[in-house]
Amino acid sequence: MSGTQSQLAGLAARNKKLDAYASYVERIRTSMFLAVELYELWEGLREHHRDESEITADMSEAGHHRGRAFKRVMLLLNLIG
């Protein structure tokens, strides 16, 4: 592999890592917003149009996606270094 090809491969690997990390951060943010929404519902701090079961279902799904995003970050860190 030439120097240019090696640099391009390194850049592509770094972009994959950054994309995986950005996805993970977004999943964390989603989980946090859902937790706040549920807390506000419990405490009666804000009027909501969704009930607790809908929010907790979304939280469960968000947790699943967050876990997958974390695994992707860890795999890329281990594979690409």
C-alpha atoms as a PDB file:
ATOM      1  CA  MET A   1       0.000   0.000   0.000  1.00  0.00           C
ATOM      2  CA  SER A   2       1.415   3.385  -0.946  1.00  0.00           C
ATOM      3  CA  GLY A   3       1.761   6.272   1.468  1.00  0.00           C
ATOM      4  CA  THR A   4      -1.274   8.041   0.004  1.00  0.00           C
ATOM      5  CA  GLN A   5      -3.404   4.909   0.206  1.00  0.00           C
ATOM      6  CA  SER A   6      -2.295   4.374   3.790  1.00  0.00           C
ATOM      7  CA  GLN A   7      -3.216   7.955   4.689  1.00  0.00           C
ATOM      8  CA  LEU A   8      -6.621   7.578   3.058  1.00  0.00           C
ATOM      9  CA  ALA A   9      -7.227   4.326   4.910  1.00  0.00           C
ATOM     10  CA  GLY A  10      -6.261   6.014   8.172  1.00  0.00           C
ATOM     11  CA  LEU A  11      -8.584   8.921   7.453  1.00  0.00           C
ATOM     12  CA  ALA A  12     -11.466   6.580   6.636  1.00  0.00           C
ATOM     13  CA  ALA A  13     -10.864   4.678   9.878  1.00  0.00           C
ATOM     14  CA  ARG A  14     -10.816   7.905  11.879  1.00  0.00           C
ATOM     15  CA  ASN A  15     -14.067   9.010  10.224  1.00  0.00           C
ATOM     16  CA  LYS A  16     -15.689   5.694  11.158  1.00  0.00           C
ATOM     17  CA  LYS A  17     -14.613   6.201  14.767  1.00  0.00           C
ATOM     18  CA  LEU A  18     -15.925   9.762  14.832  1.00  0.00           C
ATOM     19  CA  ASP A  19     -19.241   8.699  13.300  1.00  0.00           C
ATOM     20  CA  ALA A  20     -19.592   5.888  15.836  1.00  0.00           C
ATOM     21  CA  TYR A  21     -18.790   8.230  18.715  1.00  0.00           C
ATOM     22  CA  ALA A  22     -21.235  10.883  17.437  1.00  0.00           C
ATOM     23  CA  SER A  23     -23.953   8.237  17.182  1.00  0.00           C
ATOM     24  CA  TYR A  24     -23.231   7.090  20.743  1.00  0.00           C
ATOM     25  CA  VAL A  25     -23.400  10.661  22.080  1.00  0.00           C
ATOM     26  CA  GLU A  26     -26.723  11.197  20.312  1.00  0.00           C
ATOM     27  CA  ARG A  27     -28.087   7.995  21.884  1.00  0.00           C
ATOM     28  CA  ILE A  28     -27.001   9.230  25.323  1.00  0.00           C
ATOM     29  CA  ARG A  29     -28.725  12.567  24.716  1.00  0.00           C
ATOM     30  CA  THR A  30     -31.928  10.819  23.645  1.00  0.00           C
ATOM     31  CA  SER A  31     -31.894   8.702  26.805  1.00  0.00           C
ATOM     32  CA  MET A  32     -31.374  11.790  28.953  1.00  0.00           C
ATOM     33  CA  PHE A  33     -34.227  13.699  27.327  1.00  0.00           C
ATOM     34  CA  LEU A  34     -36.552  10.745  27.820  1.00  0.00           C
ATOM     35  CA  ALA A  35     -35.541  10.445  31.476  1.00  0.00           C
ATOM     36  CA  VAL A  36     -36.259  14.140  31.995  1.00  0.00           C
ATOM     37  CA  GLU A  37     -39.619  13.784  30.262  1.00  0.00           C
ATOM     38  CA  LEU A  38     -40.538  10.884  32.540  1.00  0.00           C
ATOM     39  CA  TYR A  39     -39.402  12.757  35.656  1.00  0.00           C
ATOM     40  CA  GLU A  40     -41.453  15.803  34.668  1.00  0.00           C
ATOM     41  CA  LEU A  41     -44.477  13.568  34.139  1.00  0.00           C
ATOM     42  CA  TRP A  42     -44.050  11.952  37.561  1.00  0.00           C
ATOM     43  CA  GLU A  43     -43.617  15.299  39.292  1.00  0.00           C
ATOM     44  CA  GLY A  44     -46.371  17.076  37.344  1.00  0.00           C
ATOM     45  CA  LEU A  45     -43.924  19.761  36.225  1.00  0.00           C
ATOM     46  CA  ARG A  46     -45.156  19.987  32.674  1.00  0.00           C
ATOM     47  CA  GLU A  47     -48.208  18.917  30.709  1.00  0.00           C
ATOM     48  CA  HIS A  48     -47.502  15.870  28.586  1.00  0.00           C
ATOM     49  CA  HIS A  49     -49.314  14.315  25.698  1.00  0.00           C
ATOM     50  CA  ARG A  50     -47.831  10.863  26.241  1.00  0.00           C
ATOM     51  CA  ASP A  51     -48.356   8.525  29.140  1.00  0.00           C
ATOM     52  CA  GLU A  52     -45.749   6.797  31.270  1.00  0.00           C
ATOM     53  CA  SER A  53     -45.917   3.500  29.387  1.00  0.00           C
ATOM     54  CA  GLU A  54     -45.100   5.206  26.075  1.00  0.00           C
ATOM     55  CA  ILE A  55     -42.141   7.040  27.574  1.00  0.00           C
ATOM     56  CA  THR A  56     -40.761   3.938  29.298  1.00  0.00           C
ATOM     57  CA  ALA A  57     -41.119   1.947  26.063  1.00  0.00           C
ATOM     58  CA  ASP A  58     -39.138   4.643  24.263  1.00  0.00           C
ATOM     59  CA  MET A  59     -36.557   4.581  27.071  1.00  0.00           C
ATOM     60  CA  SER A  60     -36.185   0.828  26.693  1.00  0.00           C
ATOM     61  CA  GLU A  61     -35.676   1.122  22.949  1.00  0.00           C
ATOM     62  CA  ALA A  62     -33.234   4.024  23.435  1.00  0.00           C
ATOM     63  CA  GLY A  63     -31.273   1.918  25.924  1.00  0.00           C
ATOM     64  CA  HIS A  64     -31.014  -0.892  23.399  1.00  0.00           C
ATOM     65  CA  HIS A  65     -29.749   1.501  20.705  1.00  0.00           C
ATOM     66  CA  ARG A  66     -27.359   3.132  23.164  1.00  0.00           C
ATOM     67  CA  GLY A  67     -25.883  -0.272  24.005  1.00  0.00           C
ATOM     68  CA  ARG A  68     -25.404  -1.133  20.341  1.00  0.00           C
ATOM     69  CA  ALA A  69     -23.775   2.247  19.662  1.00  0.00           C
ATOM     70  CA  PHE A  70     -21.402   1.723  22.600  1.00  0.00           C
ATOM     71  CA  LYS A  71     -20.432  -1.723  21.332  1.00  0.00           C
ATOM     72  CA  ARG A  72     -19.725  -0.248  17.893  1.00  0.00           C
ATOM     73  CA  VAL A  73     -17.433   2.388  19.418  1.00  0.00           C
ATOM     74  CA  MET A  74     -15.578  -0.263  21.409  1.00  0.00           C
ATOM     75  CA  LEU A  75     -15.230  -2.579  18.409  1.00  0.00           C
ATOM     76  CA  LEU A  76     -13.857   0.208  16.228  1.00  0.00           C
ATOM     77  CA  LEU A  77     -11.402   1.242  18.926  1.00  0.00           C
ATOM     78  CA  ASN A  78     -10.177  -2.337  19.224  1.00  0.00           C
ATOM     79  CA  LEU A  79     -10.102  -3.083  15.492  1.00  0.00           C
ATOM     80  CA  ILE A  80      -8.746   0.189  14.203  1.00  0.00           C
ATOM     81  CA  GLY A  81      -6.796   1.356  17.234  1.00  0.00           C
END
